[in-house]
N, C-alpha and C. Protein backbone atom coordinates (compact mmCIF):
# COMPACT_ATOMS: atom_id res chain seq x y z
N MET A 1 35.15 18.31 -14.65
CA MET A 1 34.32 17.98 -13.51
C MET A 1 35.19 18.08 -12.25
N THR A 2 34.67 18.78 -11.26
CA THR A 2 35.44 18.96 -10.03
C THR A 2 35.35 17.69 -9.18
N GLN A 3 36.20 17.66 -8.16
CA GLN A 3 36.24 16.51 -7.27
C GLN A 3 34.90 16.33 -6.55
N SER A 4 34.31 17.42 -6.10
CA SER A 4 33.03 17.30 -5.39
C SER A 4 31.92 16.83 -6.32
N GLU A 5 31.97 17.23 -7.58
CA GLU A 5 30.98 16.76 -8.54
C GLU A 5 31.13 15.26 -8.79
N LYS A 6 32.36 14.79 -8.80
CA LYS A 6 32.60 13.35 -8.97
C LYS A 6 32.03 12.57 -7.80
N TYR A 7 32.26 13.08 -6.58
CA TYR A 7 31.73 12.41 -5.39
C TYR A 7 30.20 12.42 -5.39
N THR A 8 29.63 13.53 -5.82
CA THR A 8 28.17 13.63 -5.88
C THR A 8 27.61 12.64 -6.91
N ALA A 9 28.24 12.56 -8.06
CA ALA A 9 27.80 11.62 -9.09
C ALA A 9 27.94 10.18 -8.59
N ALA A 10 29.03 9.89 -7.91
CA ALA A 10 29.23 8.55 -7.37
C ALA A 10 28.18 8.22 -6.31
N ALA A 11 27.85 9.19 -5.48
CA ALA A 11 26.82 8.97 -4.46
C ALA A 11 25.46 8.70 -5.11
N TYR A 12 25.12 9.47 -6.13
CA TYR A 12 23.87 9.23 -6.84
C TYR A 12 23.86 7.85 -7.48
N LEU A 13 24.98 7.44 -8.03
CA LEU A 13 25.08 6.12 -8.66
C LEU A 13 24.87 5.01 -7.63
N VAL A 14 25.48 5.16 -6.47
CA VAL A 14 25.33 4.15 -5.42
C VAL A 14 23.88 4.06 -4.97
N VAL A 15 23.24 5.21 -4.77
CA VAL A 15 21.84 5.21 -4.35
C VAL A 15 20.96 4.60 -5.43
N PHE A 16 21.21 4.95 -6.68
CA PHE A 16 20.43 4.40 -7.79
C PHE A 16 20.58 2.88 -7.84
N LEU A 17 21.80 2.39 -7.71
CA LEU A 17 22.02 0.94 -7.74
C LEU A 17 21.34 0.25 -6.57
N ALA A 18 21.38 0.88 -5.39
CA ALA A 18 20.72 0.29 -4.22
C ALA A 18 19.22 0.20 -4.44
N VAL A 19 18.62 1.24 -4.98
CA VAL A 19 17.18 1.22 -5.26
C VAL A 19 16.86 0.18 -6.32
N LEU A 20 17.70 0.07 -7.33
CA LEU A 20 17.49 -0.92 -8.39
C LEU A 20 17.54 -2.34 -7.83
N VAL A 21 18.51 -2.62 -7.00
CA VAL A 21 18.62 -3.94 -6.38
C VAL A 21 17.39 -4.22 -5.51
N TYR A 22 16.95 -3.22 -4.75
CA TYR A 22 15.77 -3.36 -3.91
C TYR A 22 14.54 -3.70 -4.75
N VAL A 23 14.36 -3.00 -5.85
CA VAL A 23 13.20 -3.24 -6.72
C VAL A 23 13.26 -4.64 -7.32
N VAL A 24 14.44 -5.09 -7.71
CA VAL A 24 14.58 -6.44 -8.27
C VAL A 24 14.25 -7.49 -7.21
N ILE A 25 14.72 -7.30 -5.99
CA ILE A 25 14.44 -8.26 -4.92
C ILE A 25 12.95 -8.30 -4.61
N ILE A 26 12.32 -7.14 -4.50
CA ILE A 26 10.89 -7.09 -4.22
C ILE A 26 10.10 -7.71 -5.37
N GLY A 27 10.52 -7.47 -6.59
CA GLY A 27 9.84 -8.05 -7.75
C GLY A 27 9.92 -9.56 -7.75
N SER A 28 11.08 -10.11 -7.41
CA SER A 28 11.21 -11.56 -7.38
C SER A 28 10.37 -12.16 -6.25
N LYS A 29 10.31 -11.48 -5.11
CA LYS A 29 9.46 -11.97 -4.02
C LYS A 29 7.99 -11.92 -4.41
N LEU A 30 7.60 -10.88 -5.12
CA LEU A 30 6.22 -10.75 -5.57
C LEU A 30 5.85 -11.88 -6.52
N GLN A 31 6.75 -12.22 -7.44
CA GLN A 31 6.48 -13.33 -8.36
C GLN A 31 6.33 -14.64 -7.60
N ARG A 32 7.18 -14.85 -6.61
CA ARG A 32 7.10 -16.08 -5.82
C ARG A 32 5.78 -16.14 -5.06
N LEU A 33 5.36 -15.02 -4.49
CA LEU A 33 4.09 -14.99 -3.77
C LEU A 33 2.91 -15.22 -4.71
N GLN A 34 2.99 -14.69 -5.91
CA GLN A 34 1.91 -14.92 -6.88
C GLN A 34 1.81 -16.40 -7.24
N ARG A 35 2.95 -17.06 -7.41
CA ARG A 35 2.93 -18.49 -7.69
C ARG A 35 2.31 -19.27 -6.52
N GLU A 36 2.67 -18.89 -5.29
CA GLU A 36 2.13 -19.57 -4.13
C GLU A 36 0.62 -19.37 -4.02
N VAL A 37 0.15 -18.17 -4.30
CA VAL A 37 -1.29 -17.90 -4.26
C VAL A 37 -2.00 -18.73 -5.31
N GLU A 38 -1.44 -18.82 -6.50
CA GLU A 38 -2.04 -19.64 -7.55
C GLU A 38 -2.12 -21.10 -7.13
N GLN A 39 -1.08 -21.59 -6.47
CA GLN A 39 -1.10 -22.97 -5.99
C GLN A 39 -2.17 -23.16 -4.93
N LEU A 40 -2.29 -22.21 -4.02
CA LEU A 40 -3.31 -22.31 -2.98
C LEU A 40 -4.72 -22.26 -3.56
N VAL A 41 -4.93 -21.40 -4.54
CA VAL A 41 -6.24 -21.31 -5.18
C VAL A 41 -6.58 -22.63 -5.87
N SER A 42 -5.61 -23.22 -6.55
CA SER A 42 -5.89 -24.49 -7.22
C SER A 42 -6.16 -25.59 -6.20
N ARG A 43 -5.47 -25.58 -5.06
CA ARG A 43 -5.74 -26.58 -4.02
C ARG A 43 -7.15 -26.42 -3.46
N VAL A 44 -7.55 -25.18 -3.23
CA VAL A 44 -8.89 -24.93 -2.69
C VAL A 44 -9.95 -25.39 -3.69
N ARG A 45 -9.73 -25.09 -4.96
CA ARG A 45 -10.69 -25.50 -5.98
C ARG A 45 -10.77 -27.02 -6.09
N GLU A 46 -9.62 -27.69 -5.99
CA GLU A 46 -9.61 -29.15 -6.04
C GLU A 46 -10.34 -29.75 -4.84
N SER A 47 -10.08 -29.20 -3.67
CA SER A 47 -10.72 -29.76 -2.47
C SER A 47 -12.21 -29.47 -2.45
N SER A 48 -12.63 -28.33 -2.96
CA SER A 48 -14.07 -28.05 -3.00
C SER A 48 -14.76 -28.87 -4.08
N ALA A 49 -14.04 -29.20 -5.13
CA ALA A 49 -14.61 -30.04 -6.18
C ALA A 49 -14.72 -31.50 -5.72
N ASP A 50 -13.78 -31.91 -4.86
CA ASP A 50 -13.78 -33.29 -4.37
C ASP A 50 -14.86 -33.52 -3.31
N GLY A 51 -15.23 -32.50 -2.63
CA GLY A 51 -16.23 -32.84 -1.68
C GLY A 51 -16.60 -31.85 -0.70
């Protein structure tokens, strides 16, 4: 493998890792938002049931 091929492979690896980290962060935020929406829905249902 030539030096330029090594640099190219390293660049692809860095980009892949950056995208992977981004997807993990977005996924965790999405899970948190889903939990918050579920909590809000349950609050609305409780308040509408109460009166």
